Each structure stands twice: as C-alpha cells, then as structure tokens.
Amino acid sequence: MNVDISIGKATNTPNLTATSRDESNQRILKEACKEFEGVLTGIILKDALKTESMDEDSATGEEIFREYAAEQTARDLGQKESLGIARMLYEQLSGGHNVH
C-alpha cells in the first residue's frame, strides 16, 4: 500500500506563523493574568465583607448577594486591570512583551 503525503496543501487547520502563534499565546497569557487579578481581588473583597457571625450554613440572602456582588466587581476590576496586578504579572511571565 502506497501513501502519498503532500506538504503545503490546504488543510482544515490554519497555517500559523511563529509570530502569530507567539501573539496568540501572549493574548492568552494576558487574559489569564486578568482572570488571576479578578480572582485575587475577589478573595480580598469577600474577606473584607465577611462578618464574624457569617458562615456558609447560616448565610442569609443579603449575605449571599453581597458575596456575588463582590465576585462580579472583582471580575470587572481584573478585566480592567484596575489594581495593576495583571499587568505586573504579565510583564514578569511574558519577558516584557507588550500585547494590548
């Protein structure tokens, strides 16, 4: 049985250059850094809003809403890079690449 393998013919996968792959990876890293900033900010906000009497078993609707609001606020802050954590983390992990 003969198998003909041709190189350079059209395929279903895009032919990415090294530069476009690098840019794609940098964008993925940037988004991951923003997500990390959001998660970290969420932890800080939730801890700041927590009361001594609040535990998961006795959480009221208001406390649950506050926690949800803190999570959403933290995500928004992370996406906007409000605290600068994502930018600093990205610069460290990317070796100084700057992708917007």
PDB file of N, CA and C in Angstrom:
ATOM      1  N   MET A   1       0.849  -1.167   0.000  1.00  0.00           N
ATOM      2  CA  MET A   1       0.000   0.000   0.000  1.00  0.00           C
ATOM      3  C   MET A   1       0.900   1.236   0.000  1.00  0.00           C
ATOM      4  N   ASN A   2       0.662   2.150  -0.922  1.00  0.00           N
ATOM      5  CA  ASN A   2       1.403   3.402  -1.011  1.00  0.00           C
ATOM      6  C   ASN A   2       0.578   4.533  -0.426  1.00  0.00           C
ATOM      7  N   VAL A   3       1.223   5.371   0.360  1.00  0.00           N
ATOM      8  CA  VAL A   3       0.559   6.534   0.945  1.00  0.00           C
ATOM      9  C   VAL A   3       1.292   7.767   0.466  1.00  0.00           C
ATOM     10  N   ASP A   4       0.555   8.698  -0.129  1.00  0.00           N
ATOM     11  CA  ASP A   4       1.148   9.936  -0.623  1.00  0.00           C
ATOM     12  C   ASP A   4       0.886  11.040   0.389  1.00  0.00           C
ATOM     13  N   ILE A   5       1.923  11.551   1.007  1.00  0.00           N
ATOM     14  CA  ILE A   5       1.794  12.637   1.976  1.00  0.00           C
ATOM     15  C   ILE A   5       2.365  13.888   1.326  1.00  0.00           C
ATOM     16  N   SER A   6       1.502  14.855   1.079  1.00  0.00           N
ATOM     17  CA  SER A   6       1.924  16.100   0.446  1.00  0.00           C
ATOM     18  C   SER A   6       2.028  17.197   1.493  1.00  0.00           C
ATOM     19  N   ILE A   7       3.035  17.989   1.378  1.00  0.00           N
ATOM     20  CA  ILE A   7       3.235  19.100   2.311  1.00  0.00           C
ATOM     21  C   ILE A   7       2.874  20.391   1.605  1.00  0.00           C
ATOM     22  N   GLY A   8       2.188  21.268   2.309  1.00  0.00           N
ATOM     23  CA  GLY A   8       1.855  22.559   1.752  1.00  0.00           C
ATOM     24  C   GLY A   8       0.475  22.620   1.137  1.00  0.00           C
ATOM     25  N   LYS A   9      -0.267  21.556   1.149  1.00  0.00           N
ATOM     26  CA  LYS A   9      -1.626  21.575   0.599  1.00  0.00           C
ATOM     27  C   LYS A   9      -2.587  22.106   1.659  1.00  0.00           C
ATOM     28  N   ALA A  10      -3.748  22.540   1.212  1.00  0.00           N
ATOM     29  CA  ALA A  10      -4.750  23.087   2.114  1.00  0.00           C
ATOM     30  C   ALA A  10      -5.208  22.030   3.109  1.00  0.00           C
ATOM     31  N   THR A  11      -5.328  22.436   4.358  1.00  0.00           N
ATOM     32  CA  THR A  11      -5.824  21.559   5.410  1.00  0.00           C
ATOM     33  C   THR A  11      -6.891  22.290   6.199  1.00  0.00           C
ATOM     34  N   ASN A  12      -7.489  21.597   7.131  1.00  0.00           N
ATOM     35  CA  ASN A  12      -8.504  22.223   7.974  1.00  0.00           C
ATOM     36  C   ASN A  12      -7.906  23.111   9.050  1.00  0.00           C
ATOM     37  N   THR A  13      -6.642  22.913   9.370  1.00  0.00           N
ATOM     38  CA  THR A  13      -6.018  23.711  10.416  1.00  0.00           C
ATOM     39  C   THR A  13      -5.322  24.904   9.797  1.00  0.00           C
ATOM     40  N   PRO A  14      -5.430  26.065  10.421  1.00  0.00           N
ATOM     41  CA  PRO A  14      -4.783  27.259   9.860  1.00  0.00           C
ATOM     42  C   PRO A  14      -3.269  27.143   9.940  1.00  0.00           C
ATOM     43  N   ASN A  15      -2.592  27.703   8.965  1.00  0.00           N
ATOM     44  CA  ASN A  15      -1.144  27.708   8.938  1.00  0.00           C
ATOM     45  C   ASN A  15      -0.656  28.952   9.672  1.00  0.00           C
ATOM     46  N   LEU A  16      -0.345  28.786  10.928  1.00  0.00           N
ATOM     47  CA  LEU A  16       0.072  29.917  11.746  1.00  0.00           C
ATOM     48  C   LEU A  16       1.579  30.102  11.650  1.00  0.00           C
ATOM     49  N   THR A  17       1.987  31.314  11.487  1.00  0.00           N
ATOM     50  CA  THR A  17       3.409  31.601  11.511  1.00  0.00           C
ATOM     51  C   THR A  17       3.862  31.636  12.965  1.00  0.00           C
ATOM     52  N   ALA A  18       5.147  31.580  13.165  1.00  0.00           N
ATOM     53  CA  ALA A  18       5.671  31.621  14.528  1.00  0.00           C
ATOM     54  C   ALA A  18       5.258  32.908  15.214  1.00  0.00           C
ATOM     55  N   THR A  19       5.221  34.004  14.474  1.00  0.00           N
ATOM     56  CA  THR A  19       4.844  35.292  15.051  1.00  0.00           C
ATOM     57  C   THR A  19       3.389  35.294  15.494  1.00  0.00           C
ATOM     58  N   SER A  20       2.493  34.791  14.647  1.00  0.00           N
ATOM     59  CA  SER A  20       1.083  34.799  15.020  1.00  0.00           C
ATOM     60  C   SER A  20       0.810  33.843  16.177  1.00  0.00           C
ATOM     61  N   ARG A  21       1.534  32.721  16.240  1.00  0.00           N
ATOM     62  CA  ARG A  21       1.387  31.818  17.394  1.00  0.00           C
ATOM     63  C   ARG A  21       1.852  32.501  18.660  1.00  0.00           C
ATOM     64  N   ASP A  22       2.973  33.222  18.572  1.00  0.00           N
ATOM     65  CA  ASP A  22       3.500  33.931  19.735  1.00  0.00           C
ATOM     66  C   ASP A  22       2.513  34.999  20.204  1.00  0.00           C
ATOM     67  N   GLU A  23       1.948  35.739  19.255  1.00  0.00           N
ATOM     68  CA  GLU A  23       0.955  36.757  19.609  1.00  0.00           C
ATOM     69  C   GLU A  23      -0.276  36.129  20.235  1.00  0.00           C
ATOM     70  N   SER A  24      -0.704  34.996  19.710  1.00  0.00           N
ATOM     71  CA  SER A  24      -1.857  34.287  20.265  1.00  0.00           C
ATOM     72  C   SER A  24      -1.566  33.826  21.690  1.00  0.00           C
ATOM     73  N   ASN A  25      -0.390  33.271  21.896  1.00  0.00           N
ATOM     74  CA  ASN A  25      -0.004  32.829  23.242  1.00  0.00           C
ATOM     75  C   ASN A  25       0.080  34.005  24.205  1.00  0.00           C
ATOM     76  N   GLN A  26       0.574  35.131  23.732  1.00  0.00           N
ATOM     77  CA  GLN A  26       0.686  36.310  24.582  1.00  0.00           C
ATOM     78  C   GLN A  26      -0.701  36.827  24.970  1.00  0.00           C
ATOM     79  N   ARG A  27      -1.636  36.785  24.043  1.00  0.00           N
ATOM     80  CA  ARG A  27      -3.014  37.218  24.350  1.00  0.00           C
ATOM     81  C   ARG A  27      -3.657  36.286  25.374  1.00  0.00           C
ATOM     82  N   ILE A  28      -3.428  34.988  25.218  1.00  0.00           N
ATOM     83  CA  ILE A  28      -3.954  34.017  26.183  1.00  0.00           C
ATOM     84  C   ILE A  28      -3.354  34.275  27.557  1.00  0.00           C
ATOM     85  N   LEU A  29      -2.050  34.529  27.608  1.00  0.00           N
ATOM     86  CA  LEU A  29      -1.386  34.831  28.878  1.00  0.00           C
ATOM     87  C   LEU A  29      -1.963  36.094  29.497  1.00  0.00           C
ATOM     88  N   LYS A  30      -2.186  37.113  28.666  1.00  0.00           N
ATOM     89  CA  LYS A  30      -2.743  38.383  29.156  1.00  0.00           C
ATOM     90  C   LYS A  30      -4.113  38.154  29.788  1.00  0.00           C
ATOM     91  N   GLU A  31      -4.971  37.377  29.125  1.00  0.00           N
ATOM     92  CA  GLU A  31      -6.306  37.085  29.669  1.00  0.00           C
ATOM     93  C   GLU A  31      -6.210  36.297  30.971  1.00  0.00           C
ATOM     94  N   ALA A  32      -5.279  35.354  31.040  1.00  0.00           N
ATOM     95  CA  ALA A  32      -5.094  34.571  32.267  1.00  0.00           C
ATOM     96  C   ALA A  32      -4.646  35.473  33.417  1.00  0.00           C
ATOM     97  N   CYS A  33      -3.803  36.438  33.127  1.00  0.00           N
ATOM     98  CA  CYS A  33      -3.342  37.374  34.155  1.00  0.00           C
ATOM     99  C   CYS A  33      -4.499  38.247  34.653  1.00  0.00           C
ATOM    100  N   LYS A  34      -5.353  38.682  33.726  1.00  0.00           N
ATOM    101  CA  LYS A  34      -6.528  39.473  34.118  1.00  0.00           C
ATOM    102  C   LYS A  34      -7.457  38.640  34.992  1.00  0.00           C
ATOM    103  N   GLU A  35      -7.651  37.381  34.606  1.00  0.00           N
ATOM    104  CA  GLU A  35      -8.509  36.482  35.384  1.00  0.00           C
ATOM    105  C   GLU A  35      -7.933  36.280  36.786  1.00  0.00           C
ATOM    106  N   PHE A  36      -6.621  36.121  36.865  1.00  0.00           N
ATOM    107  CA  PHE A  36      -5.964  35.962  38.164  1.00  0.00           C
ATOM    108  C   PHE A  36      -6.176  37.192  39.032  1.00  0.00           C
ATOM    109  N   GLU A  37      -6.024  38.377  38.441  1.00  0.00           N
ATOM    110  CA  GLU A  37      -6.256  39.605  39.208  1.00  0.00           C
ATOM    111  C   GLU A  37      -7.688  39.635  39.732  1.00  0.00           C
ATOM    112  N   GLY A  38      -8.641  39.209  38.911  1.00  0.00           N
ATOM    113  CA  GLY A  38     -10.034  39.182  39.340  1.00  0.00           C
ATOM    114  C   GLY A  38     -10.264  38.216  40.483  1.00  0.00           C
ATOM    115  N   VAL A  39      -9.666  37.028  40.391  1.00  0.00           N
ATOM    116  CA  VAL A  39      -9.829  36.027  41.460  1.00  0.00           C
ATOM    117  C   VAL A  39      -9.204  36.533  42.751  1.00  0.00           C
ATOM    118  N   LEU A  40      -8.006  37.062  42.657  1.00  0.00           N
ATOM    119  CA  LEU A  40      -7.332  37.577  43.852  1.00  0.00           C
ATOM    120  C   LEU A  40      -8.112  38.733  44.478  1.00  0.00           C
ATOM    121  N   THR A  41      -8.597  39.634  43.649  1.00  0.00           N
ATOM    122  CA  THR A  41      -9.401  40.754  44.144  1.00  0.00           C
ATOM    123  C   THR A  41     -10.674  40.238  44.803  1.00  0.00           C
ATOM    124  N   GLY A  42     -11.273  39.203  44.226  1.00  0.00           N
ATOM    125  CA  GLY A  42     -12.476  38.603  44.810  1.00  0.00           C
ATOM    126  C   GLY A  42     -12.224  38.039  46.192  1.00  0.00           C
ATOM    127  N   ILE A  43     -11.110  37.370  46.349  1.00  0.00           N
ATOM    128  CA  ILE A  43     -10.759  36.822  47.661  1.00  0.00           C
ATOM    129  C   ILE A  43     -10.625  37.945  48.677  1.00  0.00           C
ATOM    130  N   ILE A  44      -9.974  39.009  48.278  1.00  0.00           N
ATOM    131  CA  ILE A  44      -9.765  40.147  49.189  1.00  0.00           C
ATOM    132  C   ILE A  44     -11.100  40.804  49.535  1.00  0.00           C
ATOM    133  N   LEU A  45     -11.936  41.037  48.526  1.00  0.00           N
ATOM    134  CA  LEU A  45     -13.232  41.679  48.770  1.00  0.00           C
ATOM    135  C   LEU A  45     -14.133  40.821  49.659  1.00  0.00           C
ATOM    136  N   LYS A  46     -14.198  39.533  49.365  1.00  0.00           N
ATOM    137  CA  LYS A  46     -15.048  38.644  50.174  1.00  0.00           C
ATOM    138  C   LYS A  46     -14.587  38.614  51.616  1.00  0.00           C
ATOM    139  N   ASP A  47     -13.280  38.573  51.807  1.00  0.00           N
ATOM    140  CA  ASP A  47     -12.752  38.562  53.168  1.00  0.00           C
ATOM    141  C   ASP A  47     -13.065  39.872  53.883  1.00  0.00           C
ATOM    142  N   ALA A  48     -12.990  40.979  53.165  1.00  0.00           N
ATOM    143  CA  ALA A  48     -13.280  42.278  53.773  1.00  0.00           C
ATOM    144  C   ALA A  48     -14.765  42.405  54.134  1.00  0.00           C
ATOM    145  N   LEU A  49     -15.645  41.785  53.368  1.00  0.00           N
ATOM    146  CA  LEU A  49     -17.081  41.885  53.613  1.00  0.00           C
ATOM    147  C   LEU A  49     -17.594  40.857  54.616  1.00  0.00           C
ATOM    148  N   LYS A  50     -16.784  39.873  54.914  1.00  0.00           N
ATOM    149  CA  LYS A  50     -17.210  38.799  55.802  1.00  0.00           C
ATOM    150  C   LYS A  50     -17.384  39.324  57.232  1.00  0.00           C
ATOM    151  N   THR A  51     -18.485  38.915  57.860  1.00  0.00           N
ATOM    152  CA  THR A  51     -18.696  39.269  59.258  1.00  0.00           C
ATOM    153  C   THR A  51     -18.336  38.067  60.113  1.00  0.00           C
ATOM    154  N   GLU A  52     -18.089  38.306  61.355  1.00  0.00           N
ATOM    155  CA  GLU A  52     -17.693  37.230  62.253  1.00  0.00           C
ATOM    156  C   GLU A  52     -18.780  36.190  62.413  1.00  0.00           C
ATOM    157  N   SER A  53     -20.043  36.596  62.359  1.00  0.00           N
ATOM    158  CA  SER A  53     -21.134  35.657  62.563  1.00  0.00           C
ATOM    159  C   SER A  53     -21.519  34.913  61.291  1.00  0.00           C
ATOM    160  N   MET A  54     -20.960  35.314  60.166  1.00  0.00           N
ATOM    161  CA  MET A  54     -21.360  34.711  58.892  1.00  0.00           C
ATOM    162  C   MET A  54     -20.607  33.410  58.651  1.00  0.00           C
ATOM    163  N   ASP A  55     -21.352  32.355  58.433  1.00  0.00           N
ATOM    164  CA  ASP A  55     -20.765  31.106  57.971  1.00  0.00           C
ATOM    165  C   ASP A  55     -21.651  30.560  56.853  1.00  0.00           C
ATOM    166  N   GLU A  56     -21.151  29.591  56.127  1.00  0.00           N
ATOM    167  CA  GLU A  56     -21.859  29.115  54.940  1.00  0.00           C
ATOM    168  C   GLU A  56     -23.215  28.510  55.266  1.00  0.00           C
ATOM    169  N   ASP A  57     -23.372  27.905  56.430  1.00  0.00           N
ATOM    170  CA  ASP A  57     -24.629  27.247  56.774  1.00  0.00           C
ATOM    171  C   ASP A  57     -25.740  28.227  57.123  1.00  0.00           C
ATOM    172  N   SER A  58     -25.383  29.381  57.632  1.00  0.00           N
ATOM    173  CA  SER A  58     -26.414  30.322  58.056  1.00  0.00           C
ATOM    174  C   SER A  58     -26.434  31.598  57.229  1.00  0.00           C
ATOM    175  N   ALA A  59     -25.897  31.559  56.033  1.00  0.00           N
ATOM    176  CA  ALA A  59     -25.841  32.751  55.187  1.00  0.00           C
ATOM    177  C   ALA A  59     -27.250  33.164  54.776  1.00  0.00           C
ATOM    178  N   THR A  60     -27.533  34.457  54.925  1.00  0.00           N
ATOM    179  CA  THR A  60     -28.825  34.982  54.512  1.00  0.00           C
ATOM    180  C   THR A  60     -28.761  35.385  53.052  1.00  0.00           C
ATOM    181  N   GLY A  61     -29.915  35.701  52.478  1.00  0.00           N
ATOM    182  CA  GLY A  61     -29.963  36.143  51.094  1.00  0.00           C
ATOM    183  C   GLY A  61     -29.113  37.377  50.862  1.00  0.00           C
ATOM    184  N   GLU A  62     -29.148  38.287  51.823  1.00  0.00           N
ATOM    185  CA  GLU A  62     -28.356  39.519  51.692  1.00  0.00           C
ATOM    186  C   GLU A  62     -26.866  39.212  51.670  1.00  0.00           C
ATOM    187  N   GLU A  63     -26.425  38.297  52.530  1.00  0.00           N
ATOM    188  CA  GLU A  63     -25.005  37.945  52.573  1.00  0.00           C
ATOM    189  C   GLU A  63     -24.582  37.242  51.280  1.00  0.00           C
ATOM    190  N   ILE A  64     -25.447  36.378  50.765  1.00  0.00           N
ATOM    191  CA  ILE A  64     -25.151  35.682  49.516  1.00  0.00           C
ATOM    192  C   ILE A  64     -25.068  36.686  48.371  1.00  0.00           C
ATOM    193  N   PHE A  65     -25.997  37.656  48.353  1.00  0.00           N
ATOM    194  CA  PHE A  65     -25.981  38.683  47.316  1.00  0.00           C
ATOM    195  C   PHE A  65     -24.703  39.511  47.399  1.00  0.00           C
ATOM    196  N   ARG A  66     -24.292  39.872  48.606  1.00  0.00           N
ATOM    197  CA  ARG A  66     -23.060  40.652  48.774  1.00  0.00           C
ATOM    198  C   ARG A  66     -21.848  39.890  48.248  1.00  0.00           C
ATOM    199  N   GLU A  67     -21.812  38.585  48.525  1.00  0.00           N
ATOM    200  CA  GLU A  67     -20.700  37.774  48.051  1.00  0.00           C
ATOM    201  C   GLU A  67     -20.691  37.707  46.521  1.00  0.00           C
ATOM    202  N   TYR A  68     -21.864  37.529  45.934  1.00  0.00           N
ATOM    203  CA  TYR A  68     -21.978  37.503  44.471  1.00  0.00           C
ATOM    204  C   TYR A  68     -21.555  38.854  43.876  1.00  0.00           C
ATOM    205  N   ALA A  69     -22.015  39.931  44.489  1.00  0.00           N
ATOM    206  CA  ALA A  69     -21.649  41.269  44.007  1.00  0.00           C
ATOM    207  C   ALA A  69     -20.141  41.480  44.104  1.00  0.00           C
ATOM    208  N   ALA A  70     -19.530  40.992  45.173  1.00  0.00           N
ATOM    209  CA  ALA A  70     -18.081  41.111  45.329  1.00  0.00           C
ATOM    210  C   ALA A  70     -17.355  40.342  44.233  1.00  0.00           C
ATOM    211  N   GLU A  71     -17.854  39.141  43.899  1.00  0.00           N
ATOM    212  CA  GLU A  71     -17.247  38.351  42.826  1.00  0.00           C
ATOM    213  C   GLU A  71     -17.322  39.076  41.488  1.00  0.00           C
ATOM    214  N   GLN A  72     -18.488  39.621  41.179  1.00  0.00           N
ATOM    215  CA  GLN A  72     -18.665  40.312  39.901  1.00  0.00           C
ATOM    216  C   GLN A  72     -17.813  41.576  39.836  1.00  0.00           C
ATOM    217  N   THR A  73     -17.762  42.309  40.929  1.00  0.00           N
ATOM    218  CA  THR A  73     -16.930  43.514  40.990  1.00  0.00           C
ATOM    219  C   THR A  73     -15.470  43.147  40.793  1.00  0.00           C
ATOM    220  N   ALA A  74     -15.045  42.071  41.435  1.00  0.00           N
ATOM    221  CA  ALA A  74     -13.655  41.631  41.316  1.00  0.00           C
ATOM    222  C   ALA A  74     -13.330  41.238  39.881  1.00  0.00           C
ATOM    223  N   ARG A  75     -14.236  40.530  39.212  1.00  0.00           N
ATOM    224  CA  ARG A  75     -14.009  40.158  37.810  1.00  0.00           C
ATOM    225  C   ARG A  75     -13.867  41.391  36.938  1.00  0.00           C
ATOM    226  N   ASP A  76     -14.752  42.359  37.159  1.00  0.00           N
ATOM    227  CA  ASP A  76     -14.680  43.599  36.382  1.00  0.00           C
ATOM    228  C   ASP A  76     -13.366  44.326  36.626  1.00  0.00           C
ATOM    229  N   LEU A  77     -12.958  44.406  37.878  1.00  0.00           N
ATOM    230  CA  LEU A  77     -11.693  45.065  38.205  1.00  0.00           C
ATOM    231  C   LEU A  77     -10.518  44.340  37.557  1.00  0.00           C
ATOM    232  N   GLY A  78     -10.570  43.018  37.557  1.00  0.00           N
ATOM    233  CA  GLY A  78      -9.499  42.236  36.936  1.00  0.00           C
ATOM    234  C   GLY A  78      -9.425  42.470  35.446  1.00  0.00           C
ATOM    235  N   GLN A  79     -10.573  42.503  34.764  1.00  0.00           N
ATOM    236  CA  GLN A  79     -10.591  42.721  33.314  1.00  0.00           C
ATOM    237  C   GLN A  79     -10.090  44.119  32.957  1.00  0.00           C
ATOM    238  N   LYS A  80     -10.329  45.076  33.839  1.00  0.00           N
ATOM    239  CA  LYS A  80      -9.879  46.452  33.587  1.00  0.00           C
ATOM    240  C   LYS A  80      -8.465  46.687  34.107  1.00  0.00           C
ATOM    241  N   GLU A  81      -7.898  45.654  34.736  1.00  0.00           N
ATOM    242  CA  GLU A  81      -6.559  45.745  35.318  1.00  0.00           C
ATOM    243  C   GLU A  81      -6.462  46.923  36.282  1.00  0.00           C
ATOM    244  N   SER A  82      -7.497  47.120  37.066  1.00  0.00           N
ATOM    245  CA  SER A  82      -7.601  48.273  37.956  1.00  0.00           C
ATOM    246  C   SER A  82      -6.491  48.347  38.995  1.00  0.00           C
ATOM    247  N   LEU A  83      -6.077  47.208  39.502  1.00  0.00           N
ATOM    248  CA  LEU A  83      -5.059  47.224  40.547  1.00  0.00           C
ATOM    249  C   LEU A  83      -3.638  47.113  39.995  1.00  0.00           C
ATOM    250  N   GLY A  84      -3.518  46.778  38.721  1.00  0.00           N
ATOM    251  CA  GLY A  84      -2.202  46.661  38.104  1.00  0.00           C
ATOM    252  C   GLY A  84      -1.527  45.320  38.321  1.00  0.00           C
ATOM    253  N   ILE A  85      -2.198  44.410  39.022  1.00  0.00           N
ATOM    254  CA  ILE A  85      -1.609  43.100  39.298  1.00  0.00           C
ATOM    255  C   ILE A  85      -1.445  42.316  38.005  1.00  0.00           C
ATOM    256  N   ALA A  86      -2.469  42.344  37.160  1.00  0.00           N
ATOM    257  CA  ALA A  86      -2.411  41.604  35.896  1.00  0.00           C
ATOM    258  C   ALA A  86      -1.267  42.111  35.028  1.00  0.00           C
ATOM    259  N   ARG A  87      -1.107  43.413  34.941  1.00  0.00           N
ATOM    260  CA  ARG A  87      -0.041  43.991  34.120  1.00  0.00           C
ATOM    261  C   ARG A  87       1.337  43.567  34.625  1.00  0.00           C
ATOM    262  N   MET A  88       1.539  43.660  35.946  1.00  0.00           N
ATOM    263  CA  MET A  88       2.842  43.283  36.506  1.00  0.00           C
ATOM    264  C   MET A  88       3.111  41.792  36.329  1.00  0.00           C
ATOM    265  N   LEU A  89       2.105  40.966  36.559  1.00  0.00           N
ATOM    266  CA  LEU A  89       2.253  39.525  36.391  1.00  0.00           C
ATOM    267  C   LEU A  89       2.547  39.184  34.933  1.00  0.00           C
ATOM    268  N   TYR A  90       1.812  39.817  34.025  1.00  0.00           N
ATOM    269  CA  TYR A  90       2.018  39.587  32.594  1.00  0.00           C
ATOM    270  C   TYR A  90       3.441  39.958  32.172  1.00  0.00           C
ATOM    271  N   GLU A  91       3.921  41.105  32.628  1.00  0.00           N
ATOM    272  CA  GLU A  91       5.269  41.544  32.267  1.00  0.00           C
ATOM    273  C   GLU A  91       6.321  40.558  32.765  1.00  0.00           C
ATOM    274  N   GLN A  92       6.118  40.035  33.975  1.00  0.00           N
ATOM    275  CA  GLN A  92       7.064  39.069  34.517  1.00  0.00           C
ATOM    276  C   GLN A  92       7.043  37.754  33.740  1.00  0.00           C
ATOM    277  N   LEU A  93       5.841  37.270  33.420  1.00  0.00           N
ATOM    278  CA  LEU A  93       5.720  35.970  32.764  1.00  0.00           C
ATOM    279  C   LEU A  93       6.019  36.014  31.269  1.00  0.00           C
ATOM    280  N   SER A  94       5.795  37.157  30.642  1.00  0.00           N
ATOM    281  CA  SER A  94       5.995  37.241  29.191  1.00  0.00           C
ATOM    282  C   SER A  94       7.408  37.698  28.809  1.00  0.00           C
ATOM    283  N   GLY A  95       8.183  38.078  29.765  1.00  0.00           N
ATOM    284  CA  GLY A  95       9.513  38.577  29.457  1.00  0.00           C
ATOM    285  C   GLY A  95       9.479  39.979  28.896  1.00  0.00           C
ATOM    286  N   GLY A  96       8.424  40.727  29.236  1.00  0.00           N
ATOM    287  CA  GLY A  96       8.329  42.116  28.831  1.00  0.00           C
ATOM    288  C   GLY A  96       7.587  42.361  27.530  1.00  0.00           C
ATOM    289  N   HIS A  97       6.971  41.335  26.933  1.00  0.00           N
ATOM    290  CA  HIS A  97       6.188  41.544  25.713  1.00  0.00           C
ATOM    291  C   HIS A  97       5.014  42.434  26.040  1.00  0.00           C
ATOM    292  N   ASN A  98       4.613  43.247  25.103  1.00  0.00           N
ATOM    293  CA  ASN A  98       3.508  44.175  25.334  1.00  0.00           C
ATOM    294  C   ASN A  98       2.422  43.945  24.293  1.00  0.00           C
ATOM    295  N   VAL A  99       1.369  43.219  24.656  1.00  0.00           N
ATOM    296  CA  VAL A  99       0.245  42.979  23.767  1.00  0.00           C
ATOM    297  C   VAL A  99      -0.974  43.627  24.351  1.00  0.00           C
ATOM    298  N   HIS A 100      -1.718  44.418  23.562  1.00  0.00           N
ATOM    299  CA  HIS A 100      -2.923  45.093  24.072  1.00  0.00           C
ATOM    300  C   HIS A 100      -4.114  44.362  23.618  1.00  0.00           C
TER     301      HIS A 100
END
